[in-house]
Amino acid sequence: MLPLQIADELTVVFPGLGRELHAPATMASLAAQLARFAAFTRGALRGEQLGLLEHCFAVADRLLQQADDELAAAFQDAYFPCLHLDVQPCGERLARQLMPVALYLSYARYQYAAAHRPA
């Protein structure tokens, strides 16, 4: 998927992200866009907006299911690392409870790989 496609798709669902995702510094990079989306998702968690958090996870799951290799890599390189669920109170528990199964499995694989990288 092209960065513009992701920016447009996320903006339709989350209009508040439009300006950030269409900014010149973000526009050309899937990783930068997914990092911004992860920050938005993390904000829903910090604000205890569980409905919004679940919706963010559902959209992320849909994008990941449709992902080509480049978008799938951006999830591994930007979205999952930028969620920082492991440092949020209840973040890991809410991930298990609110993430769709496919997204959670990808997230868990990312967490396992990150924990077992050589230092």
PDB file of N, CA and C in Angstrom:
ATOM      1  N   MET A   1       0.839  -1.185   0.000  1.00  0.00           N
ATOM      2  CA  MET A   1       0.000   0.000   0.000  1.00  0.00           C
ATOM      3  C   MET A   1       0.884   1.249   0.000  1.00  0.00           C
ATOM      4  N   LEU A   2       0.409   2.261  -0.625  1.00  0.00           N
ATOM      5  CA  LEU A   2       1.143   3.513  -0.678  1.00  0.00           C
ATOM      6  C   LEU A   2       0.872   4.337   0.582  1.00  0.00           C
ATOM      7  N   PRO A   3       1.851   5.129   1.004  1.00  0.00           N
ATOM      8  CA  PRO A   3       1.635   5.972   2.183  1.00  0.00           C
ATOM      9  C   PRO A   3       0.392   6.855   2.075  1.00  0.00           C
ATOM     10  N   LEU A   4       0.131   7.386   0.888  1.00  0.00           N
ATOM     11  CA  LEU A   4      -1.054   8.231   0.719  1.00  0.00           C
ATOM     12  C   LEU A   4      -2.333   7.441   0.965  1.00  0.00           C
ATOM     13  N   GLN A   5      -2.371   6.187   0.530  1.00  0.00           N
ATOM     14  CA  GLN A   5      -3.550   5.350   0.764  1.00  0.00           C
ATOM     15  C   GLN A   5      -3.784   5.151   2.260  1.00  0.00           C
ATOM     16  N   ILE A   6      -2.736   4.877   3.005  1.00  0.00           N
ATOM     17  CA  ILE A   6      -2.865   4.672   4.450  1.00  0.00           C
ATOM     18  C   ILE A   6      -3.300   5.962   5.124  1.00  0.00           C
ATOM     19  N   ALA A   7      -2.688   7.068   4.748  1.00  0.00           N
ATOM     20  CA  ALA A   7      -3.058   8.366   5.328  1.00  0.00           C
ATOM     21  C   ALA A   7      -4.524   8.663   5.069  1.00  0.00           C
ATOM     22  N   ASP A   8      -4.968   8.439   3.845  1.00  0.00           N
ATOM     23  CA  ASP A   8      -6.368   8.709   3.515  1.00  0.00           C
ATOM     24  C   ASP A   8      -7.311   7.778   4.270  1.00  0.00           C
ATOM     25  N   GLU A   9      -6.958   6.507   4.339  1.00  0.00           N
ATOM     26  CA  GLU A   9      -7.817   5.539   5.019  1.00  0.00           C
ATOM     27  C   GLU A   9      -7.927   5.846   6.518  1.00  0.00           C
ATOM     28  N   LEU A  10      -6.805   6.155   7.141  1.00  0.00           N
ATOM     29  CA  LEU A  10      -6.837   6.481   8.575  1.00  0.00           C
ATOM     30  C   LEU A  10      -7.559   7.803   8.834  1.00  0.00           C
ATOM     31  N   THR A  11      -7.426   8.744   7.923  1.00  0.00           N
ATOM     32  CA  THR A  11      -8.089  10.039   8.084  1.00  0.00           C
ATOM     33  C   THR A  11      -9.608   9.909   7.979  1.00  0.00           C
ATOM     34  N   VAL A  12     -10.077   9.017   7.127  1.00  0.00           N
ATOM     35  CA  VAL A  12     -11.520   8.789   7.023  1.00  0.00           C
ATOM     36  C   VAL A  12     -12.061   8.272   8.354  1.00  0.00           C
ATOM     37  N   VAL A  13     -11.344   7.358   8.971  1.00  0.00           N
ATOM     38  CA  VAL A  13     -11.800   6.746  10.216  1.00  0.00           C
ATOM     39  C   VAL A  13     -11.540   7.655  11.419  1.00  0.00           C
ATOM     40  N   PHE A  14     -10.398   8.332  11.418  1.00  0.00           N
ATOM     41  CA  PHE A  14      -9.991   9.204  12.527  1.00  0.00           C
ATOM     42  C   PHE A  14      -9.647  10.585  11.961  1.00  0.00           C
ATOM     43  N   PRO A  15     -10.646  11.422  11.719  1.00  0.00           N
ATOM     44  CA  PRO A  15     -10.394  12.723  11.082  1.00  0.00           C
ATOM     45  C   PRO A  15      -9.353  13.579  11.815  1.00  0.00           C
ATOM     46  N   GLY A  16      -9.232  13.416  13.108  1.00  0.00           N
ATOM     47  CA  GLY A  16      -8.265  14.199  13.870  1.00  0.00           C
ATOM     48  C   GLY A  16      -6.818  13.911  13.506  1.00  0.00           C
ATOM     49  N   LEU A  17      -6.573  12.807  12.851  1.00  0.00           N
ATOM     50  CA  LEU A  17      -5.211  12.455  12.438  1.00  0.00           C
ATOM     51  C   LEU A  17      -4.829  13.054  11.082  1.00  0.00           C
ATOM     52  N   GLY A  18      -5.785  13.612  10.371  1.00  0.00           N
ATOM     53  CA  GLY A  18      -5.562  14.053   9.004  1.00  0.00           C
ATOM     54  C   GLY A  18      -4.387  14.985   8.823  1.00  0.00           C
ATOM     55  N   ARG A  19      -4.297  15.998   9.650  1.00  0.00           N
ATOM     56  CA  ARG A  19      -3.224  16.986   9.467  1.00  0.00           C
ATOM     57  C   ARG A  19      -1.859  16.358   9.710  1.00  0.00           C
ATOM     58  N   GLU A  20      -1.757  15.529  10.746  1.00  0.00           N
ATOM     59  CA  GLU A  20      -0.467  14.886  11.049  1.00  0.00           C
ATOM     60  C   GLU A  20      -0.053  13.905   9.961  1.00  0.00           C
ATOM     61  N   LEU A  21      -1.003  13.113   9.475  1.00  0.00           N
ATOM     62  CA  LEU A  21      -0.668  12.092   8.486  1.00  0.00           C
ATOM     63  C   LEU A  21      -0.388  12.670   7.104  1.00  0.00           C
ATOM     64  N   HIS A  22      -0.942  13.816   6.821  1.00  0.00           N
ATOM     65  CA  HIS A  22      -0.721  14.443   5.517  1.00  0.00           C
ATOM     66  C   HIS A  22       0.373  15.513   5.559  1.00  0.00           C
ATOM     67  N   ALA A  23       1.049  15.639   6.695  1.00  0.00           N
ATOM     68  CA  ALA A  23       2.167  16.586   6.803  1.00  0.00           C
ATOM     69  C   ALA A  23       3.328  16.085   5.944  1.00  0.00           C
ATOM     70  N   PRO A  24       4.094  16.993   5.356  1.00  0.00           N
ATOM     71  CA  PRO A  24       5.202  16.577   4.480  1.00  0.00           C
ATOM     72  C   PRO A  24       6.185  15.604   5.150  1.00  0.00           C
ATOM     73  N   ALA A  25       6.464  15.787   6.421  1.00  0.00           N
ATOM     74  CA  ALA A  25       7.433  14.924   7.106  1.00  0.00           C
ATOM     75  C   ALA A  25       6.901  13.504   7.288  1.00  0.00           C
ATOM     76  N   THR A  26       5.609  13.341   7.286  1.00  0.00           N
ATOM     77  CA  THR A  26       4.983  12.039   7.525  1.00  0.00           C
ATOM     78  C   THR A  26       4.482  11.393   6.244  1.00  0.00           C
ATOM     79  N   MET A  27       4.093  12.199   5.307  1.00  0.00           N
ATOM     80  CA  MET A  27       3.361  11.759   4.122  1.00  0.00           C
ATOM     81  C   MET A  27       4.050  10.656   3.330  1.00  0.00           C
ATOM     82  N   ALA A  28       5.339  10.699   3.190  1.00  0.00           N
ATOM     83  CA  ALA A  28       6.040   9.754   2.312  1.00  0.00           C
ATOM     84  C   ALA A  28       6.445   8.460   2.998  1.00  0.00           C
ATOM     85  N   SER A  29       6.167   8.317   4.275  1.00  0.00           N
ATOM     86  CA  SER A  29       6.691   7.168   5.016  1.00  0.00           C
ATOM     87  C   SER A  29       5.585   6.377   5.712  1.00  0.00           C
ATOM     88  N   LEU A  30       5.450   5.107   5.340  1.00  0.00           N
ATOM     89  CA  LEU A  30       4.498   4.239   6.046  1.00  0.00           C
ATOM     90  C   LEU A  30       4.864   4.129   7.518  1.00  0.00           C
ATOM     91  N   ALA A  31       6.148   4.003   7.801  1.00  0.00           N
ATOM     92  CA  ALA A  31       6.586   3.869   9.193  1.00  0.00           C
ATOM     93  C   ALA A  31       6.211   5.110  10.007  1.00  0.00           C
ATOM     94  N   ALA A  32       6.424   6.285   9.444  1.00  0.00           N
ATOM     95  CA  ALA A  32       6.075   7.523  10.158  1.00  0.00           C
ATOM     96  C   ALA A  32       4.572   7.613  10.378  1.00  0.00           C
ATOM     97  N   GLN A  33       3.787   7.201   9.398  1.00  0.00           N
ATOM     98  CA  GLN A  33       2.343   7.241   9.553  1.00  0.00           C
ATOM     99  C   GLN A  33       1.868   6.253  10.615  1.00  0.00           C
ATOM    100  N   LEU A  34       2.425   5.059  10.596  1.00  0.00           N
ATOM    101  CA  LEU A  34       2.014   4.080  11.602  1.00  0.00           C
ATOM    102  C   LEU A  34       2.515   4.460  12.991  1.00  0.00           C
ATOM    103  N   ALA A  35       3.640   5.142  13.079  1.00  0.00           N
ATOM    104  CA  ALA A  35       4.108   5.635  14.374  1.00  0.00           C
ATOM    105  C   ALA A  35       3.135   6.677  14.919  1.00  0.00           C
ATOM    106  N   ARG A  36       2.622   7.566  14.061  1.00  0.00           N
ATOM    107  CA  ARG A  36       1.628   8.564  14.487  1.00  0.00           C
ATOM    108  C   ARG A  36       0.334   7.873  14.910  1.00  0.00           C
ATOM    109  N   PHE A  37      -0.075   6.855  14.154  1.00  0.00           N
ATOM    110  CA  PHE A  37      -1.289   6.101  14.503  1.00  0.00           C
ATOM    111  C   PHE A  37      -1.095   5.381  15.832  1.00  0.00           C
ATOM    112  N   ALA A  38       0.095   4.836  16.069  1.00  0.00           N
ATOM    113  CA  ALA A  38       0.389   4.185  17.349  1.00  0.00           C
ATOM    114  C   ALA A  38       0.314   5.190  18.494  1.00  0.00           C
ATOM    115  N   ALA A  39       0.825   6.394  18.281  1.00  0.00           N
ATOM    116  CA  ALA A  39       0.750   7.434  19.317  1.00  0.00           C
ATOM    117  C   ALA A  39      -0.704   7.797  19.607  1.00  0.00           C
ATOM    118  N   PHE A  40      -1.516   7.874  18.566  1.00  0.00           N
ATOM    119  CA  PHE A  40      -2.946   8.151  18.734  1.00  0.00           C
ATOM    120  C   PHE A  40      -3.603   7.018  19.529  1.00  0.00           C
ATOM    121  N   THR A  41      -3.266   5.779  19.189  1.00  0.00           N
ATOM    122  CA  THR A  41      -3.794   4.613  19.894  1.00  0.00           C
ATOM    123  C   THR A  41      -3.365   4.644  21.355  1.00  0.00           C
ATOM    124  N   ARG A  42      -2.103   4.950  21.601  1.00  0.00           N
ATOM    125  CA  ARG A  42      -1.576   5.040  22.967  1.00  0.00           C
ATOM    126  C   ARG A  42      -2.302   6.132  23.754  1.00  0.00           C
ATOM    127  N   GLY A  43      -2.637   7.228  23.084  1.00  0.00           N
ATOM    128  CA  GLY A  43      -3.387   8.306  23.732  1.00  0.00           C
ATOM    129  C   GLY A  43      -4.763   7.844  24.175  1.00  0.00           C
ATOM    130  N   ALA A  44      -5.404   6.992  23.381  1.00  0.00           N
ATOM    131  CA  ALA A  44      -6.702   6.436  23.779  1.00  0.00           C
ATOM    132  C   ALA A  44      -6.549   5.589  25.039  1.00  0.00           C
ATOM    133  N   LEU A  45      -5.455   4.845  25.126  1.00  0.00           N
ATOM    134  CA  LEU A  45      -5.194   4.031  26.318  1.00  0.00           C
ATOM    135  C   LEU A  45      -4.952   4.920  27.530  1.00  0.00           C
ATOM    136  N   ARG A  46      -4.089   5.920  27.379  1.00  0.00           N
ATOM    137  CA  ARG A  46      -3.789   6.822  28.498  1.00  0.00           C
ATOM    138  C   ARG A  46      -5.022   7.582  28.958  1.00  0.00           C
ATOM    139  N   GLY A  47      -5.887   7.934  28.013  1.00  0.00           N
ATOM    140  CA  GLY A  47      -7.113   8.650  28.353  1.00  0.00           C
ATOM    141  C   GLY A  47      -8.238   7.738  28.807  1.00  0.00           C
ATOM    142  N   GLU A  48      -7.926   6.448  28.884  1.00  0.00           N
ATOM    143  CA  GLU A  48      -8.899   5.431  29.299  1.00  0.00           C
ATOM    144  C   GLU A  48     -10.153   5.460  28.436  1.00  0.00           C
ATOM    145  N   GLN A  49      -9.952   5.732  27.156  1.00  0.00           N
ATOM    146  CA  GLN A  49     -11.041   5.714  26.187  1.00  0.00           C
ATOM    147  C   GLN A  49     -11.069   4.325  25.546  1.00  0.00           C
ATOM    148  N   LEU A  50     -11.639   3.369  26.260  1.00  0.00           N
ATOM    149  CA  LEU A  50     -11.546   1.975  25.836  1.00  0.00           C
ATOM    150  C   LEU A  50     -12.283   1.704  24.532  1.00  0.00           C
ATOM    151  N   GLY A  51     -13.385   2.394  24.292  1.00  0.00           N
ATOM    152  CA  GLY A  51     -14.082   2.229  23.013  1.00  0.00           C
ATOM    153  C   GLY A  51     -13.229   2.681  21.849  1.00  0.00           C
ATOM    154  N   LEU A  52     -12.570   3.821  22.009  1.00  0.00           N
ATOM    155  CA  LEU A  52     -11.671   4.321  20.970  1.00  0.00           C
ATOM    156  C   LEU A  52     -10.467   3.397  20.817  1.00  0.00           C
ATOM    157  N   LEU A  53      -9.930   2.925  21.913  1.00  0.00           N
ATOM    158  CA  LEU A  53      -8.792   2.001  21.863  1.00  0.00           C
ATOM    159  C   LEU A  53      -9.158   0.739  21.087  1.00  0.00           C
ATOM    160  N   GLU A  54     -10.303   0.175  21.380  1.00  0.00           N
ATOM    161  CA  GLU A  54     -10.744  -1.028  20.680  1.00  0.00           C
ATOM    162  C   GLU A  54     -10.947  -0.741  19.190  1.00  0.00           C
ATOM    163  N   HIS A  55     -11.477   0.435  18.876  1.00  0.00           N
ATOM    164  CA  HIS A  55     -11.666   0.821  17.480  1.00  0.00           C
ATOM    165  C   HIS A  55     -10.310   0.974  16.771  1.00  0.00           C
ATOM    166  N   CYS A  56      -9.347   1.588  17.450  1.00  0.00           N
ATOM    167  CA  CYS A  56      -7.992   1.711  16.880  1.00  0.00           C
ATOM    168  C   CYS A  56      -7.414   0.332  16.579  1.00  0.00           C
ATOM    169  N   PHE A  57      -7.560  -0.582  17.516  1.00  0.00           N
ATOM    170  CA  PHE A  57      -7.045  -1.936  17.309  1.00  0.00           C
ATOM    171  C   PHE A  57      -7.757  -2.623  16.137  1.00  0.00           C
ATOM    172  N   ALA A  58      -9.065  -2.409  16.015  1.00  0.00           N
ATOM    173  CA  ALA A  58      -9.818  -3.023  14.911  1.00  0.00           C
ATOM    174  C   ALA A  58      -9.334  -2.483  13.567  1.00  0.00           C
ATOM    175  N   VAL A  59      -9.089  -1.180  13.488  1.00  0.00           N
ATOM    176  CA  VAL A  59      -8.588  -0.585  12.249  1.00  0.00           C
ATOM    177  C   VAL A  59      -7.173  -1.099  11.945  1.00  0.00           C
ATOM    178  N   ALA A  60      -6.338  -1.167  12.975  1.00  0.00           N
ATOM    179  CA  ALA A  60      -4.980  -1.699  12.782  1.00  0.00           C
ATOM    180  C   ALA A  60      -5.035  -3.137  12.284  1.00  0.00           C
ATOM    181  N   ASP A  61      -5.929  -3.927  12.844  1.00  0.00           N
ATOM    182  CA  ASP A  61      -6.078  -5.317  12.430  1.00  0.00           C
ATOM    183  C   ASP A  61      -6.492  -5.397  10.956  1.00  0.00           C
ATOM    184  N   ARG A  62      -7.452  -4.572  10.568  1.00  0.00           N
ATOM    185  CA  ARG A  62      -7.906  -4.571   9.171  1.00  0.00           C
ATOM    186  C   ARG A  62      -6.767  -4.188   8.237  1.00  0.00           C
ATOM    187  N   LEU A  63      -6.002  -3.161   8.603  1.00  0.00           N
ATOM    188  CA  LEU A  63      -4.863  -2.757   7.776  1.00  0.00           C
ATOM    189  C   LEU A  63      -3.832  -3.873   7.678  1.00  0.00           C
ATOM    190  N   LEU A  64      -3.558  -4.518   8.792  1.00  0.00           N
ATOM    191  CA  LEU A  64      -2.561  -5.588   8.792  1.00  0.00           C
ATOM    192  C   LEU A  64      -3.032  -6.777   7.960  1.00  0.00           C
ATOM    193  N   GLN A  65      -4.323  -7.064   7.995  1.00  0.00           N
ATOM    194  CA  GLN A  65      -4.861  -8.172   7.190  1.00  0.00           C
ATOM    195  C   GLN A  65      -4.731  -7.879   5.696  1.00  0.00           C
ATOM    196  N   GLN A  66      -4.803  -6.608   5.311  1.00  0.00           N
ATOM    197  CA  GLN A  66      -4.708  -6.216   3.908  1.00  0.00           C
ATOM    198  C   GLN A  66      -3.273  -5.886   3.493  1.00  0.00           C
ATOM    199  N   ALA A  67      -2.352  -5.991   4.412  1.00  0.00           N
ATOM    200  CA  ALA A  67      -0.994  -5.469   4.214  1.00  0.00           C
ATOM    201  C   ALA A  67      -0.210  -6.226   3.150  1.00  0.00           C
ATOM    202  N   ASP A  68       0.539  -5.443   2.384  1.00  0.00           N
ATOM    203  CA  ASP A  68       1.570  -6.016   1.537  1.00  0.00           C
ATOM    204  C   ASP A  68       2.832  -6.116   2.401  1.00  0.00           C
ATOM    205  N   ASP A  69       3.932  -6.563   1.824  1.00  0.00           N
ATOM    206  CA  ASP A  69       5.155  -6.753   2.607  1.00  0.00           C
ATOM    207  C   ASP A  69       5.652  -5.459   3.241  1.00  0.00           C
ATOM    208  N   GLU A  70       5.549  -4.358   2.506  1.00  0.00           N
ATOM    209  CA  GLU A  70       6.046  -3.078   3.013  1.00  0.00           C
ATOM    210  C   GLU A  70       5.229  -2.589   4.209  1.00  0.00           C
ATOM    211  N   LEU A  71       3.916  -2.709   4.126  1.00  0.00           N
ATOM    212  CA  LEU A  71       3.063  -2.287   5.240  1.00  0.00           C
ATOM    213  C   LEU A  71       3.234  -3.225   6.437  1.00  0.00           C
ATOM    214  N   ALA A  72       3.345  -4.515   6.192  1.00  0.00           N
ATOM    215  CA  ALA A  72       3.569  -5.465   7.284  1.00  0.00           C
ATOM    216  C   ALA A  72       4.880  -5.147   8.006  1.00  0.00           C
ATOM    217  N   ALA A  73       5.905  -4.795   7.247  1.00  0.00           N
ATOM    218  CA  ALA A  73       7.183  -4.413   7.865  1.00  0.00           C
ATOM    219  C   ALA A  73       7.039  -3.137   8.678  1.00  0.00           C
ATOM    220  N   ALA A  74       6.237  -2.193   8.202  1.00  0.00           N
ATOM    221  CA  ALA A  74       6.025  -0.947   8.941  1.00  0.00           C
ATOM    222  C   ALA A  74       5.307  -1.205  10.263  1.00  0.00           C
ATOM    223  N   PHE A  75       4.440  -2.197  10.300  1.00  0.00           N
ATOM    224  CA  PHE A  75       3.808  -2.569  11.573  1.00  0.00           C
ATOM    225  C   PHE A  75       4.872  -3.057  12.552  1.00  0.00           C
ATOM    226  N   GLN A  76       5.789  -3.895  12.062  1.00  0.00           N
ATOM    227  CA  GLN A  76       6.843  -4.439  12.920  1.00  0.00           C
ATOM    228  C   GLN A  76       7.861  -3.377  13.326  1.00  0.00           C
ATOM    229  N   ASP A  77       8.147  -2.460  12.424  1.00  0.00           N
ATOM    230  CA  ASP A  77       9.180  -1.453  12.674  1.00  0.00           C
ATOM    231  C   ASP A  77       8.669  -0.200  13.370  1.00  0.00           C
ATOM    232  N   ALA A  78       7.370   0.082  13.251  1.00  0.00           N
ATOM    233  CA  ALA A  78       6.867   1.361  13.775  1.00  0.00           C
ATOM    234  C   ALA A  78       5.638   1.221  14.660  1.00  0.00           C
ATOM    235  N   TYR A  79       4.588   0.581  14.175  1.00  0.00           N
ATOM    236  CA  TYR A  79       3.342   0.560  14.953  1.00  0.00           C
ATOM    237  C   TYR A  79       3.523  -0.166  16.286  1.00  0.00           C
ATOM    238  N   PHE A  80       3.970  -1.411  16.245  1.00  0.00           N
ATOM    239  CA  PHE A  80       4.108  -2.166  17.495  1.00  0.00           C
ATOM    240  C   PHE A  80       5.111  -1.532  18.455  1.00  0.00           C
ATOM    241  N   PRO A  81       6.308  -1.151  17.996  1.00  0.00           N
ATOM    242  CA  PRO A  81       7.252  -0.536  18.935  1.00  0.00           C
ATOM    243  C   PRO A  81       6.744   0.777  19.524  1.00  0.00           C
ATOM    244  N   CYS A  82       5.995   1.548  18.755  1.00  0.00           N
ATOM    245  CA  CYS A  82       5.537   2.861  19.229  1.00  0.00           C
ATOM    246  C   CYS A  82       4.289   2.786  20.099  1.00  0.00           C
ATOM    247  N   LEU A  83       3.673   1.624  20.198  1.00  0.00           N
ATOM    248  CA  LEU A  83       2.522   1.495  21.098  1.00  0.00           C
ATOM    249  C   LEU A  83       2.941   1.635  22.558  1.00  0.00           C
ATOM    250  N   HIS A  84       4.089   1.096  22.904  1.00  0.00           N
ATOM    251  CA  HIS A  84       4.601   1.138  24.282  1.00  0.00           C
ATOM    252  C   HIS A  84       3.578   0.608  25.280  1.00  0.00           C
ATOM    253  N   LEU A  85       2.863  -0.448  24.898  1.00  0.00           N
ATOM    254  CA  LEU A  85       1.851  -1.007  25.801  1.00  0.00           C
ATOM    255  C   LEU A  85       2.479  -1.616  27.046  1.00  0.00           C
ATOM    256  N   ASP A  86       3.725  -2.060  26.925  1.00  0.00           N
ATOM    257  CA  ASP A  86       4.393  -2.698  28.049  1.00  0.00           C
ATOM    258  C   ASP A  86       4.705  -1.721  29.175  1.00  0.00           C
ATOM    259  N   VAL A  87       4.698  -0.431  28.914  1.00  0.00           N
ATOM    260  CA  VAL A  87       4.986   0.543  29.973  1.00  0.00           C
ATOM    261  C   VAL A  87       3.730   1.277  30.437  1.00  0.00           C
ATOM    262  N   GLN A  88       2.598   0.972  29.846  1.00  0.00           N
ATOM    263  CA  GLN A  88       1.339   1.583  30.245  1.00  0.00           C
ATOM    264  C   GLN A  88       0.662   0.708  31.299  1.00  0.00           C
ATOM    265  N   PRO A  89       0.120   1.317  32.342  1.00  0.00           N
ATOM    266  CA  PRO A  89      -0.632   0.509  33.307  1.00  0.00           C
ATOM    267  C   PRO A  89      -1.754  -0.239  32.580  1.00  0.00           C
ATOM    268  N   CYS A  90      -1.821  -1.509  32.784  1.00  0.00           N
ATOM    269  CA  CYS A  90      -2.847  -2.382  32.178  1.00  0.00           C
ATOM    270  C   CYS A  90      -2.716  -2.509  30.667  1.00  0.00           C
ATOM    271  N   GLY A  91      -1.661  -1.986  30.066  1.00  0.00           N
ATOM    272  CA  GLY A  91      -1.530  -2.008  28.613  1.00  0.00           C
ATOM    273  C   GLY A  91      -1.514  -3.401  28.022  1.00  0.00           C
ATOM    274  N   GLU A  92      -0.731  -4.283  28.605  1.00  0.00           N
ATOM    275  CA  GLU A  92      -0.645  -5.648  28.073  1.00  0.00           C
ATOM    276  C   GLU A  92      -1.970  -6.390  28.258  1.00  0.00           C
ATOM    277  N   ARG A  93      -2.596  -6.198  29.398  1.00  0.00           N
ATOM    278  CA  ARG A  93      -3.885  -6.858  29.657  1.00  0.00           C
ATOM    279  C   ARG A  93      -4.936  -6.371  28.666  1.00  0.00           C
ATOM    280  N   LEU A  94      -4.986  -5.065  28.442  1.00  0.00           N
ATOM    281  CA  LEU A  94      -5.961  -4.523  27.499  1.00  0.00           C
ATOM    282  C   LEU A  94      -5.663  -4.964  26.071  1.00  0.00           C
ATOM    283  N   ALA A  95      -4.397  -5.123  25.738  1.00  0.00           N
ATOM    284  CA  ALA A  95      -4.056  -5.643  24.411  1.00  0.00           C
ATOM    285  C   ALA A  95      -4.663  -7.031  24.235  1.00  0.00           C
ATOM    286  N   ARG A  96      -4.489  -7.879  25.231  1.00  0.00           N
ATOM    287  CA  ARG A  96      -5.054  -9.236  25.150  1.00  0.00           C
ATOM    288  C   ARG A  96      -6.575  -9.200  25.054  1.00  0.00           C
ATOM    289  N   GLN A  97      -7.190  -8.287  25.783  1.00  0.00           N
ATOM    290  CA  GLN A  97      -8.651  -8.240  25.831  1.00  0.00           C
ATOM    291  C   GLN A  97      -9.276  -7.552  24.619  1.00  0.00           C
ATOM    292  N   LEU A  98      -8.632  -6.515  24.090  1.00  0.00           N
ATOM    293  CA  LEU A  98      -9.278  -5.679  23.078  1.00  0.00           C
ATOM    294  C   LEU A  98      -8.765  -5.866  21.654  1.00  0.00           C
ATOM    295  N   MET A  99      -7.542  -6.372  21.501  1.00  0.00           N
ATOM    296  CA  MET A  99      -7.032  -6.571  20.143  1.00  0.00           C
ATOM    297  C   MET A  99      -7.731  -7.753  19.497  1.00  0.00           C
ATOM    298  N   PRO A 100      -8.098  -7.615  18.223  1.00  0.00           N
ATOM    299  CA  PRO A 100      -8.552  -8.805  17.492  1.00  0.00           C
ATOM    300  C   PRO A 100      -7.438  -9.863  17.510  1.00  0.00           C
ATOM    301  N   VAL A 101      -7.828 -11.112  17.403  1.00  0.00           N
ATOM    302  CA  VAL A 101      -6.884 -12.219  17.561  1.00  0.00           C
ATOM    303  C   VAL A 101      -5.685 -12.103  16.629  1.00  0.00           C
ATOM    304  N   ALA A 102      -5.920 -11.836  15.350  1.00  0.00           N
ATOM    305  CA  ALA A 102      -4.803 -11.779  14.389  1.00  0.00           C
ATOM    306  C   ALA A 102      -3.821 -10.663  14.755  1.00  0.00           C
ATOM    307  N   LEU A 103      -4.335  -9.504  15.143  1.00  0.00           N
ATOM    308  CA  LEU A 103      -3.463  -8.401  15.532  1.00  0.00           C
ATOM    309  C   LEU A 103      -2.690  -8.763  16.790  1.00  0.00           C
ATOM    310  N   TYR A 104      -3.371  -9.375  17.756  1.00  0.00           N
ATOM    311  CA  TYR A 104      -2.679  -9.742  18.995  1.00  0.00           C
ATOM    312  C   TYR A 104      -1.584 -10.766  18.728  1.00  0.00           C
ATOM    313  N   LEU A 105      -1.833 -11.718  17.856  1.00  0.00           N
ATOM    314  CA  LEU A 105      -0.798 -12.708  17.544  1.00  0.00           C
ATOM    315  C   LEU A 105       0.422 -12.044  16.912  1.00  0.00           C
ATOM    316  N   SER A 106       0.206 -11.105  16.022  1.00  0.00           N
ATOM    317  CA  SER A 106       1.328 -10.371  15.413  1.00  0.00           C
ATOM    318  C   SER A 106       2.063  -9.550  16.460  1.00  0.00           C
ATOM    319  N   TYR A 107       1.314  -8.905  17.340  1.00  0.00           N
ATOM    320  CA  TYR A 107       1.914  -8.111  18.420  1.00  0.00           C
ATOM    321  C   TYR A 107       2.721  -9.006  19.356  1.00  0.00           C
ATOM    322  N   ALA A 108       2.167 -10.163  19.712  1.00  0.00           N
ATOM    323  CA  ALA A 108       2.869 -11.086  20.609  1.00  0.00           C
ATOM    324  C   ALA A 108       4.150 -11.610  19.963  1.00  0.00           C
ATOM    325  N   ARG A 109       4.108 -11.893  18.658  1.00  0.00           N
ATOM    326  CA  ARG A 109       5.326 -12.321  17.952  1.00  0.00           C
ATOM    327  C   ARG A 109       6.362 -11.207  17.962  1.00  0.00           C
ATOM    328  N   TYR A 110       5.920  -9.971  17.752  1.00  0.00           N
ATOM    329  CA  TYR A 110       6.836  -8.832  17.824  1.00  0.00           C
ATOM    330  C   TYR A 110       7.460  -8.738  19.218  1.00  0.00           C
ATOM    331  N   GLN A 111       6.633  -8.836  20.264  1.00  0.00           N
ATOM    332  CA  GLN A 111       7.121  -8.741  21.644  1.00  0.00           C
ATOM    333  C   GLN A 111       8.151  -9.846  21.930  1.00  0.00           C
ATOM    334  N   TYR A 112       7.856 -11.059  21.486  1.00  0.00           N
ATOM    335  CA  TYR A 112       8.767 -12.184  21.710  1.00  0.00           C
ATOM    336  C   TYR A 112      10.102 -11.924  21.003  1.00  0.00           C
ATOM    337  N   ALA A 113      10.030 -11.504  19.742  1.00  0.00           N
ATOM    338  CA  ALA A 113      11.257 -11.242  18.975  1.00  0.00           C
ATOM    339  C   ALA A 113      12.063 -10.115  19.616  1.00  0.00           C
ATOM    340  N   ALA A 114      11.384  -9.079  20.070  1.00  0.00           N
ATOM    341  CA  ALA A 114      12.080  -7.941  20.705  1.00  0.00           C
ATOM    342  C   ALA A 114      12.759  -8.373  21.997  1.00  0.00           C
ATOM    343  N   ALA A 115      12.122  -9.241  22.731  1.00  0.00           N
ATOM    344  CA  ALA A 115      12.677  -9.693  23.998  1.00  0.00           C
ATOM    345  C   ALA A 115      13.873 -10.623  23.805  1.00  0.00           C
ATOM    346  N   HIS A 116      13.969 -11.242  22.636  1.00  0.00           N
ATOM    347  CA  HIS A 116      15.030 -12.221  22.393  1.00  0.00           C
ATOM    348  C   HIS A 116      16.084 -11.750  21.397  1.00  0.00           C
ATOM    349  N   ARG A 117      16.097 -10.449  21.124  1.00  0.00           N
ATOM    350  CA  ARG A 117      17.163  -9.903  20.263  1.00  0.00           C
ATOM    351  C   ARG A 117      18.465  -9.867  21.027  1.00  0.00           C
ATOM    352  N   PRO A 118      19.546 -10.178  20.355  1.00  0.00           N
ATOM    353  CA  PRO A 118      20.844 -10.062  21.033  1.00  0.00           C
ATOM    354  C   PRO A 118      21.112  -8.597  21.398  1.00  0.00           C
ATOM    355  N   ALA A 119      21.716  -8.410  22.535  1.00  0.00           N
ATOM    356  CA  ALA A 119      21.994  -7.044  23.009  1.00  0.00           C
ATOM    357  C   ALA A 119      23.109  -6.388  22.249  1.00  0.00           C
TER     358      ALA A 119
END
